[in-house]
Amino acid sequence: MPDEQRPQRRGAARPSAVVSAVAQLADECATRLGRPLEVLDLGGGTGGVAVPLAEAGHRVVVVDPSPDALAALARRAREAGISERVRGVQGDGDSLDAVLAGHEVDLACCHGTLEFVDDPEATLRAIAAALAPGGMLSLLVSGRLAVVFAKALAGEFAQARSALTDPSGRWGSTDPLPRRFDLEEVESLLTRTGFTTVHTRGLAILGHLVPDSLIDSDSDRAALAELDELLVAGEGREFLRTLGSGLHVIARRD
């Protein structure tokens, strides 16, 4: 599902922290390989990740089901002068083999996409097949526990209970997200599909609990992000990352 059709959730989709982390990961991979990377961005929409990577010199294939999102991606790439390094293709995880025609990539991004696919495990297997051995995956999914806490603090106890007990992590029939994940579930999925988890980070651990009316500037958002980092930095507090509204996992294809 493209960016503009996804439910708008503060801290989800493609926050700047994820874009920065992917840029750093790409730099590390490029240094190790001694060349620019071949990148796959599944569900990459309008290019929030793809355009910065292409601007850094990498070649990116964006696979997305929305023609409108891909048209916006093409416009952004033209305006940035990087059209030759960005290719948009309409499709989904089932079409990766045809899109890539057997060509392996060094880095794959799958951000805010597993929530919407029919079969998350099949999608991850398709990504693993597209990656070269040792290739890296940046995976961003919505966290279950974040919405449980948010609903409970809002006094919506039945919805909090539903989000905690529902197999898909949904708080009710009108929940705009088809699926949310626990960290253990994500790591298990990655193991079963041929990946080794390298690093996990919780995003917007506090931000989704603070009323919007209290977050009205970039400095407020930066302060919350700094608090998130401090929360998980202390010894014995790593588990708090599981409370993030977004779970960002870096994994290596075995």
C-alpha atoms as a PDB file:
ATOM      1  CA  MET A   1       0.000   0.000   0.000  1.00  0.00           C
ATOM      2  CA  PRO A   2       1.464   3.387  -0.961  1.00  0.00           C
ATOM      3  CA  ASP A   3       2.444   6.099   1.480  1.00  0.00           C
ATOM      4  CA  GLU A   4      -0.581   8.302   0.935  1.00  0.00           C
ATOM      5  CA  GLN A   5      -3.062   5.420   1.349  1.00  0.00           C
ATOM      6  CA  ARG A   6      -1.616   4.068   4.564  1.00  0.00           C
ATOM      7  CA  PRO A   7      -3.102   5.103   7.907  1.00  0.00           C
ATOM      8  CA  GLN A   8      -1.198   8.137   9.122  1.00  0.00           C
ATOM      9  CA  ARG A   9       0.474   7.224  12.415  1.00  0.00           C
ATOM     10  CA  ARG A  10       2.945   9.481  14.131  1.00  0.00           C
ATOM     11  CA  GLY A  11       6.360   7.884  14.065  1.00  0.00           C
ATOM     12  CA  ALA A  12       5.420   5.165  11.574  1.00  0.00           C
ATOM     13  CA  ALA A  13       5.957   4.660   7.824  1.00  0.00           C
ATOM     14  CA  ARG A  14       9.363   6.221   7.165  1.00  0.00           C
ATOM     15  CA  PRO A  15      10.549   8.403  10.067  1.00  0.00           C
ATOM     16  CA  SER A  16      13.781  10.322   9.622  1.00  0.00           C
ATOM     17  CA  ALA A  17      15.502   8.017  12.117  1.00  0.00           C
ATOM     18  CA  VAL A  18      14.903   5.099   9.755  1.00  0.00           C
ATOM     19  CA  VAL A  19      16.083   7.037   6.706  1.00  0.00           C
ATOM     20  CA  SER A  20      19.271   7.968   8.569  1.00  0.00           C
ATOM     21  CA  ALA A  21      19.819   4.397   9.770  1.00  0.00           C
ATOM     22  CA  VAL A  22      19.377   3.012   6.252  1.00  0.00           C
ATOM     23  CA  ALA A  23      21.777   5.611   4.844  1.00  0.00           C
ATOM     24  CA  GLN A  24      24.388   4.580   7.416  1.00  0.00           C
ATOM     25  CA  LEU A  25      23.814   0.897   6.684  1.00  0.00           C
ATOM     26  CA  ALA A  26      24.182   1.535   2.947  1.00  0.00           C
ATOM     27  CA  ASP A  27      27.435   3.421   3.515  1.00  0.00           C
ATOM     28  CA  GLU A  28      28.818   0.529   5.554  1.00  0.00           C
ATOM     29  CA  CYS A  29      27.821  -2.022   2.927  1.00  0.00           C
ATOM     30  CA  ALA A  30      29.227   0.073   0.085  1.00  0.00           C
ATOM     31  CA  THR A  31      32.525   0.468   1.930  1.00  0.00           C
ATOM     32  CA  ARG A  32      32.727  -3.270   2.486  1.00  0.00           C
ATOM     33  CA  LEU A  33      31.891  -4.086  -1.143  1.00  0.00           C
ATOM     34  CA  GLY A  34      33.913  -1.244  -2.614  1.00  0.00           C
ATOM     35  CA  ARG A  35      31.094  -0.033  -4.910  1.00  0.00           C
ATOM     36  CA  PRO A  36      27.641   1.540  -4.911  1.00  0.00           C
ATOM     37  CA  LEU A  37      24.836  -0.806  -3.939  1.00  0.00           C
ATOM     38  CA  GLU A  38      22.008  -2.448  -5.822  1.00  0.00           C
ATOM     39  CA  VAL A  39      18.958  -1.776  -3.636  1.00  0.00           C
ATOM     40  CA  LEU A  40      15.404  -3.115  -3.556  1.00  0.00           C
ATOM     41  CA  ASP A  41      12.731  -1.023  -1.823  1.00  0.00           C
ATOM     42  CA  LEU A  42       9.556  -3.098  -1.524  1.00  0.00           C
ATOM     43  CA  GLY A  43       6.517  -0.925  -0.901  1.00  0.00           C
ATOM     44  CA  GLY A  44       8.759   2.106  -1.287  1.00  0.00           C
ATOM     45  CA  GLY A  45       5.935   4.357  -2.417  1.00  0.00           C
ATOM     46  CA  THR A  46       6.960   7.885  -3.322  1.00  0.00           C
ATOM     47  CA  GLY A  47      10.639   7.380  -2.563  1.00  0.00           C
ATOM     48  CA  GLY A  48      11.171   8.528   1.007  1.00  0.00           C
ATOM     49  CA  VAL A  49      14.055   6.058   1.293  1.00  0.00           C
ATOM     50  CA  ALA A  50      14.861   5.433  -2.369  1.00  0.00           C
ATOM     51  CA  VAL A  51      15.573   9.041  -3.341  1.00  0.00           C
ATOM     52  CA  PRO A  52      18.167   9.686  -0.591  1.00  0.00           C
ATOM     53  CA  LEU A  53      19.873   6.374  -1.405  1.00  0.00           C
ATOM     54  CA  ALA A  54      20.018   7.236  -5.101  1.00  0.00           C
ATOM     55  CA  GLU A  55      21.345  10.690  -4.268  1.00  0.00           C
ATOM     56  CA  ALA A  56      24.157   8.893  -2.416  1.00  0.00           C
ATOM     57  CA  GLY A  57      25.025   7.050  -5.638  1.00  0.00           C
ATOM     58  CA  HIS A  58      23.218   3.737  -5.206  1.00  0.00           C
ATOM     59  CA  ARG A  59      20.865   2.160  -7.759  1.00  0.00           C
ATOM     60  CA  VAL A  60      17.368   1.530  -6.404  1.00  0.00           C
ATOM     61  CA  VAL A  61      14.428  -0.481  -7.690  1.00  0.00           C
ATOM     62  CA  VAL A  62      11.159   0.515  -6.008  1.00  0.00           C
ATOM     63  CA  VAL A  63       8.392  -2.092  -6.215  1.00  0.00           C
ATOM     64  CA  ASP A  64       4.988  -0.776  -5.177  1.00  0.00           C
ATOM     65  CA  PRO A  65       1.383  -1.633  -6.122  1.00  0.00           C
ATOM     66  CA  SER A  66       0.298   2.007  -6.490  1.00  0.00           C
ATOM     67  CA  PRO A  67       0.743   3.699  -9.897  1.00  0.00           C
ATOM     68  CA  ASP A  68       0.107   7.084  -8.273  1.00  0.00           C
ATOM     69  CA  ALA A  69       2.914   6.565  -5.778  1.00  0.00           C
ATOM     70  CA  LEU A  70       5.271   5.462  -8.532  1.00  0.00           C
ATOM     71  CA  ALA A  71       4.372   8.536 -10.601  1.00  0.00           C
ATOM     72  CA  ALA A  72       5.248  10.717  -7.613  1.00  0.00           C
ATOM     73  CA  LEU A  73       8.498   8.781  -7.216  1.00  0.00           C
ATOM     74  CA  ALA A  74       9.390   9.443 -10.851  1.00  0.00           C
ATOM     75  CA  ARG A  75       8.734  13.181 -10.400  1.00  0.00           C
ATOM     76  CA  ARG A  76      10.905  13.325  -7.287  1.00  0.00           C
ATOM     77  CA  ALA A  77      13.689  11.455  -9.035  1.00  0.00           C
ATOM     78  CA  ARG A  78      13.569  13.832 -12.022  1.00  0.00           C
ATOM     79  CA  GLU A  79      13.607  16.882  -9.788  1.00  0.00           C
ATOM     80  CA  ALA A  80      16.585  15.493  -7.898  1.00  0.00           C
ATOM     81  CA  GLY A  81      18.413  14.630 -11.122  1.00  0.00           C
ATOM     82  CA  ILE A  82      18.732  10.941 -10.269  1.00  0.00           C
ATOM     83  CA  SER A  83      16.267   9.313 -12.668  1.00  0.00           C
ATOM     84  CA  GLU A  84      18.968   7.054 -14.065  1.00  0.00           C
ATOM     85  CA  ARG A  85      19.492   5.518 -10.600  1.00  0.00           C
ATOM     86  CA  VAL A  86      15.840   4.983  -9.609  1.00  0.00           C
ATOM     87  CA  ARG A  87      13.469   2.546 -11.290  1.00  0.00           C
ATOM     88  CA  GLY A  88       9.841   2.231 -10.204  1.00  0.00           C
ATOM     89  CA  VAL A  89       7.901  -0.957 -10.987  1.00  0.00           C
ATOM     90  CA  GLN A  90       4.286  -1.709 -10.169  1.00  0.00           C
ATOM     91  CA  GLY A  91       4.110  -4.950  -8.235  1.00  0.00           C
ATOM     92  CA  ASP A  92       4.442  -6.623  -4.851  1.00  0.00           C
ATOM     93  CA  GLY A  93       6.400  -9.372  -3.133  1.00  0.00           C
ATOM     94  CA  ASP A  94       5.001 -12.005  -5.486  1.00  0.00           C
ATOM     95  CA  SER A  95       6.492 -10.251  -8.510  1.00  0.00           C
ATOM     96  CA  LEU A  96      10.059  -9.744  -7.271  1.00  0.00           C
ATOM     97  CA  ASP A  97      11.500 -12.611  -9.275  1.00  0.00           C
ATOM     98  CA  ALA A  98      10.078 -11.224 -12.508  1.00  0.00           C
ATOM     99  CA  VAL A  99      11.046  -7.642 -11.673  1.00  0.00           C
ATOM    100  CA  LEU A 100      14.647  -8.471 -10.834  1.00  0.00           C
ATOM    101  CA  ALA A 101      14.989 -11.188 -13.478  1.00  0.00           C
ATOM    102  CA  GLY A 102      17.318 -13.172 -11.257  1.00  0.00           C
ATOM    103  CA  HIS A 103      19.545 -10.176 -10.511  1.00  0.00           C
ATOM    104  CA  GLU A 104      20.540 -10.108  -6.827  1.00  0.00           C
ATOM    105  CA  VAL A 105      20.539  -6.984  -4.679  1.00  0.00           C
ATOM    106  CA  ASP A 106      22.846  -5.961  -1.842  1.00  0.00           C
ATOM    107  CA  LEU A 107      20.292  -4.216   0.346  1.00  0.00           C
ATOM    108  CA  ALA A 108      16.535  -4.598   0.661  1.00  0.00           C
ATOM    109  CA  CYS A 109      14.149  -2.237   2.436  1.00  0.00           C
ATOM    110  CA  CYS A 110      10.677  -3.257   3.573  1.00  0.00           C
ATOM    111  CA  HIS A 111       9.164  -0.425   5.582  1.00  0.00           C
ATOM    112  CA  GLY A 112       5.523  -0.302   6.653  1.00  0.00           C
ATOM    113  CA  THR A 113       4.672  -3.105   4.231  1.00  0.00           C
ATOM    114  CA  LEU A 114       4.424  -6.394   6.145  1.00  0.00           C
ATOM    115  CA  GLU A 115       1.367  -5.027   7.944  1.00  0.00           C
ATOM    116  CA  PHE A 116      -0.577  -5.101   4.675  1.00  0.00           C
ATOM    117  CA  VAL A 117       0.601  -8.163   2.746  1.00  0.00           C
ATOM    118  CA  ASP A 118      -1.407 -11.389   2.649  1.00  0.00           C
ATOM    119  CA  ASP A 119       1.463 -13.554   3.882  1.00  0.00           C
ATOM    120  CA  PRO A 120       4.366 -11.869   5.713  1.00  0.00           C
ATOM    121  CA  GLU A 121       6.463 -15.043   5.715  1.00  0.00           C
ATOM    122  CA  ALA A 122       6.113 -15.479   1.950  1.00  0.00           C
ATOM    123  CA  THR A 123       7.073 -11.836   1.428  1.00  0.00           C
ATOM    124  CA  LEU A 124      10.211 -12.219   3.537  1.00  0.00           C
ATOM    125  CA  ARG A 125      11.144 -15.389   1.657  1.00  0.00           C
ATOM    126  CA  ALA A 126      10.807 -13.490  -1.628  1.00  0.00           C
ATOM    127  CA  ILE A 127      13.063 -10.734  -0.287  1.00  0.00           C
ATOM    128  CA  ALA A 128      15.608 -13.303   0.903  1.00  0.00           C
ATOM    129  CA  ALA A 129      15.641 -14.864  -2.572  1.00  0.00           C
ATOM    130  CA  ALA A 130      16.317 -11.432  -4.087  1.00  0.00           C
ATOM    131  CA  LEU A 131      19.258 -10.701  -1.783  1.00  0.00           C
ATOM    132  CA  ALA A 132      22.811 -11.821  -2.427  1.00  0.00           C
ATOM    133  CA  PRO A 133      24.267 -14.053   0.325  1.00  0.00           C
ATOM    134  CA  GLY A 134      25.265 -11.756   3.160  1.00  0.00           C
ATOM    135  CA  GLY A 135      22.964  -9.023   1.846  1.00  0.00           C
ATOM    136  CA  MET A 136      21.214  -6.786   4.345  1.00  0.00           C
ATOM    137  CA  LEU A 137      17.545  -6.139   5.106  1.00  0.00           C
ATOM    138  CA  SER A 138      16.043  -3.061   6.730  1.00  0.00           C
ATOM    139  CA  LEU A 139      12.619  -4.030   8.073  1.00  0.00           C
ATOM    140  CA  LEU A 140      10.176  -1.626   9.722  1.00  0.00           C
ATOM    141  CA  VAL A 141       6.902  -2.882  11.202  1.00  0.00           C
ATOM    142  CA  SER A 142       4.264  -1.534  13.574  1.00  0.00           C
ATOM    143  CA  GLY A 143       4.609  -2.723  17.165  1.00  0.00           C
ATOM    144  CA  ARG A 144       1.715  -4.330  19.034  1.00  0.00           C
ATOM    145  CA  LEU A 145       2.589  -3.225  22.585  1.00  0.00           C
ATOM    146  CA  ALA A 146       2.679   0.454  21.673  1.00  0.00           C
ATOM    147  CA  VAL A 147      -1.001   0.526  20.767  1.00  0.00           C
ATOM    148  CA  VAL A 148      -1.887  -1.517  23.861  1.00  0.00           C
ATOM    149  CA  PHE A 149      -0.330   1.127  26.119  1.00  0.00           C
ATOM    150  CA  ALA A 150      -1.771   4.023  24.103  1.00  0.00           C
ATOM    151  CA  LYS A 151      -5.299   2.625  24.241  1.00  0.00           C
ATOM    152  CA  ALA A 152      -5.063   1.842  27.944  1.00  0.00           C
ATOM    153  CA  LEU A 153      -3.803   5.333  28.796  1.00  0.00           C
ATOM    154  CA  ALA A 154      -6.696   6.769  26.766  1.00  0.00           C
ATOM    155  CA  GLY A 155      -9.159   4.781  28.865  1.00  0.00           C
ATOM    156  CA  GLU A 156     -10.066   2.492  25.968  1.00  0.00           C
ATOM    157  CA  PHE A 157      -9.527  -0.693  27.934  1.00  0.00           C
ATOM    158  CA  ALA A 158     -11.513  -3.063  25.718  1.00  0.00           C
ATOM    159  CA  GLN A 159      -9.532  -1.946  22.680  1.00  0.00           C
ATOM    160  CA  ALA A 160      -6.266  -2.299  24.617  1.00  0.00           C
ATOM    161  CA  ARG A 161      -7.219  -5.851  25.574  1.00  0.00           C
ATOM    162  CA  SER A 162      -8.131  -6.680  21.996  1.00  0.00           C
ATOM    163  CA  ALA A 163      -4.824  -5.345  20.668  1.00  0.00           C
ATOM    164  CA  LEU A 164      -2.981  -7.459  23.235  1.00  0.00           C
ATOM    165  CA  THR A 165      -4.880 -10.700  22.643  1.00  0.00           C
ATOM    166  CA  ASP A 166      -5.835 -10.541  18.962  1.00  0.00           C
ATOM    167  CA  PRO A 167      -3.490 -12.700  16.837  1.00  0.00           C
ATOM    168  CA  SER A 168      -3.004  -9.783  14.440  1.00  0.00           C
ATOM    169  CA  GLY A 169      -2.613  -7.127  17.126  1.00  0.00           C
ATOM    170  CA  ARG A 170      -5.731  -5.209  16.070  1.00  0.00           C
ATOM    171  CA  TRP A 171      -7.775  -3.195  18.564  1.00  0.00           C
ATOM    172  CA  GLY A 172     -11.090  -3.725  16.777  1.00  0.00           C
ATOM    173  CA  SER A 173     -12.950  -4.156  13.522  1.00  0.00           C
ATOM    174  CA  THR A 174     -12.395  -0.520  12.530  1.00  0.00           C
ATOM    175  CA  ASP A 175      -8.648  -0.594  13.199  1.00  0.00           C
ATOM    176  CA  PRO A 176      -7.031   0.732   9.994  1.00  0.00           C
ATOM    177  CA  LEU A 177      -4.040  -1.593  10.334  1.00  0.00           C
ATOM    178  CA  PRO A 178      -4.515  -5.217   9.242  1.00  0.00           C
ATOM    179  CA  ARG A 179      -1.633  -6.416  11.405  1.00  0.00           C
ATOM    180  CA  ARG A 180       0.871  -5.464  14.114  1.00  0.00           C
ATOM    181  CA  PHE A 181       3.857  -7.392  15.389  1.00  0.00           C
ATOM    182  CA  ASP A 182       5.632  -8.394  18.572  1.00  0.00           C
ATOM    183  CA  LEU A 183       9.422  -8.261  18.421  1.00  0.00           C
ATOM    184  CA  GLU A 184       9.702 -11.986  19.127  1.00  0.00           C
ATOM    185  CA  GLU A 185       7.325 -12.681  16.238  1.00  0.00           C
ATOM    186  CA  VAL A 186       9.403 -10.578  13.852  1.00  0.00           C
ATOM    187  CA  GLU A 187      12.645 -12.241  14.887  1.00  0.00           C
ATOM    188  CA  SER A 188      11.080 -15.683  14.498  1.00  0.00           C
ATOM    189  CA  LEU A 189       9.812 -14.776  11.026  1.00  0.00           C
ATOM    190  CA  LEU A 190      13.271 -13.612  10.029  1.00  0.00           C
ATOM    191  CA  THR A 191      14.923 -16.783  11.316  1.00  0.00           C
ATOM    192  CA  ARG A 192      12.456 -18.997   9.444  1.00  0.00           C
ATOM    193  CA  THR A 193      13.008 -17.098   6.198  1.00  0.00           C
ATOM    194  CA  GLY A 194      16.797 -17.231   6.170  1.00  0.00           C
ATOM    195  CA  PHE A 195      17.874 -14.108   8.057  1.00  0.00           C
ATOM    196  CA  THR A 196      19.972 -13.382  11.121  1.00  0.00           C
ATOM    197  CA  THR A 197      18.922 -10.378  13.178  1.00  0.00           C
ATOM    198  CA  VAL A 198      21.773  -7.902  13.601  1.00  0.00           C
ATOM    199  CA  HIS A 199      20.159  -4.972  15.389  1.00  0.00           C
ATOM    200  CA  THR A 200      16.717  -3.998  16.658  1.00  0.00           C
ATOM    201  CA  ARG A 201      15.496  -0.542  17.559  1.00  0.00           C
ATOM    202  CA  GLY A 202      12.177   0.686  18.899  1.00  0.00           C
ATOM    203  CA  LEU A 203      10.916   3.932  17.378  1.00  0.00           C
ATOM    204  CA  ALA A 204       8.614   6.467  19.055  1.00  0.00           C
ATOM    205  CA  ILE A 205       8.642   4.679  22.393  1.00  0.00           C
ATOM    206  CA  LEU A 206       7.302   7.772  24.138  1.00  0.00           C
ATOM    207  CA  GLY A 207       6.078   9.858  21.222  1.00  0.00           C
ATOM    208  CA  HIS A 208       2.897   7.910  20.587  1.00  0.00           C
ATOM    209  CA  LEU A 209       1.904   8.314  24.250  1.00  0.00           C
ATOM    210  CA  VAL A 210       2.245  12.109  24.308  1.00  0.00           C
ATOM    211  CA  PRO A 211      -0.791  14.147  23.162  1.00  0.00           C
ATOM    212  CA  ASP A 212      -0.369  15.796  19.768  1.00  0.00           C
ATOM    213  CA  SER A 213      -1.104  19.170  21.341  1.00  0.00           C
ATOM    214  CA  LEU A 214       2.160  18.928  23.282  1.00  0.00           C
ATOM    215  CA  ILE A 215       4.302  18.182  20.208  1.00  0.00           C
ATOM    216  CA  ASP A 216       4.274  21.261  18.009  1.00  0.00           C
ATOM    217  CA  SER A 217       7.890  21.809  16.950  1.00  0.00           C
ATOM    218  CA  ASP A 218      10.940  20.044  15.600  1.00  0.00           C
ATOM    219  CA  SER A 219      12.681  20.638  18.926  1.00  0.00           C
ATOM    220  CA  ASP A 220       9.867  18.766  20.716  1.00  0.00           C
ATOM    221  CA  ARG A 221      10.228  15.840  18.342  1.00  0.00           C
ATOM    222  CA  ALA A 222      14.015  15.881  18.749  1.00  0.00           C
ATOM    223  CA  ALA A 223      13.657  15.922  22.540  1.00  0.00           C
ATOM    224  CA  LEU A 224      11.355  12.889  22.433  1.00  0.00           C
ATOM    225  CA  ALA A 225      13.738  11.046  20.128  1.00  0.00           C
ATOM    226  CA  GLU A 226      16.603  11.770  22.532  1.00  0.00           C
ATOM    227  CA  LEU A 227      14.521  10.457  25.432  1.00  0.00           C
ATOM    228  CA  ASP A 228      13.839   7.272  23.460  1.00  0.00           C
ATOM    229  CA  GLU A 229      17.582   6.761  22.992  1.00  0.00           C
ATOM    230  CA  LEU A 230      18.293   7.383  26.683  1.00  0.00           C
ATOM    231  CA  LEU A 231      15.518   4.999  27.715  1.00  0.00           C
ATOM    232  CA  VAL A 232      17.061   1.996  26.008  1.00  0.00           C
ATOM    233  CA  ALA A 233      20.698   2.959  26.671  1.00  0.00           C
ATOM    234  CA  GLY A 234      20.708   2.031  30.359  1.00  0.00           C
ATOM    235  CA  GLU A 235      21.756  -1.419  31.467  1.00  0.00           C
ATOM    236  CA  GLY A 236      18.814  -3.777  31.709  1.00  0.00           C
ATOM    237  CA  ARG A 237      16.449  -1.456  29.851  1.00  0.00           C
ATOM    238  CA  GLU A 238      16.870  -2.890  26.348  1.00  0.00           C
ATOM    239  CA  PHE A 239      13.442  -4.514  26.627  1.00  0.00           C
ATOM    240  CA  LEU A 240      11.823  -1.059  26.399  1.00  0.00           C
ATOM    241  CA  ARG A 241      12.489  -1.028  22.664  1.00  0.00           C
ATOM    242  CA  THR A 242       9.604  -3.483  22.322  1.00  0.00           C
ATOM    243  CA  LEU A 243       7.247  -0.628  23.301  1.00  0.00           C
ATOM    244  CA  GLY A 244       8.026   1.410  20.189  1.00  0.00           C
ATOM    245  CA  SER A 245       5.189   2.157  17.796  1.00  0.00           C
ATOM    246  CA  GLY A 246       7.679   1.126  15.130  1.00  0.00           C
ATOM    247  CA  LEU A 247      10.111  -1.807  15.333  1.00  0.00           C
ATOM    248  CA  HIS A 248      13.114  -1.309  13.060  1.00  0.00           C
ATOM    249  CA  VAL A 249      15.139  -4.460  12.518  1.00  0.00           C
ATOM    250  CA  ILE A 250      18.383  -4.813  10.580  1.00  0.00           C
ATOM    251  CA  ALA A 251      19.021  -8.391   9.467  1.00  0.00           C
ATOM    252  CA  ARG A 252      21.527 -10.258   7.306  1.00  0.00           C
ATOM    253  CA  ARG A 253      20.616 -12.909   4.775  1.00  0.00           C
ATOM    254  CA  ASP A 254      22.273 -16.179   5.778  1.00  0.00           C
END
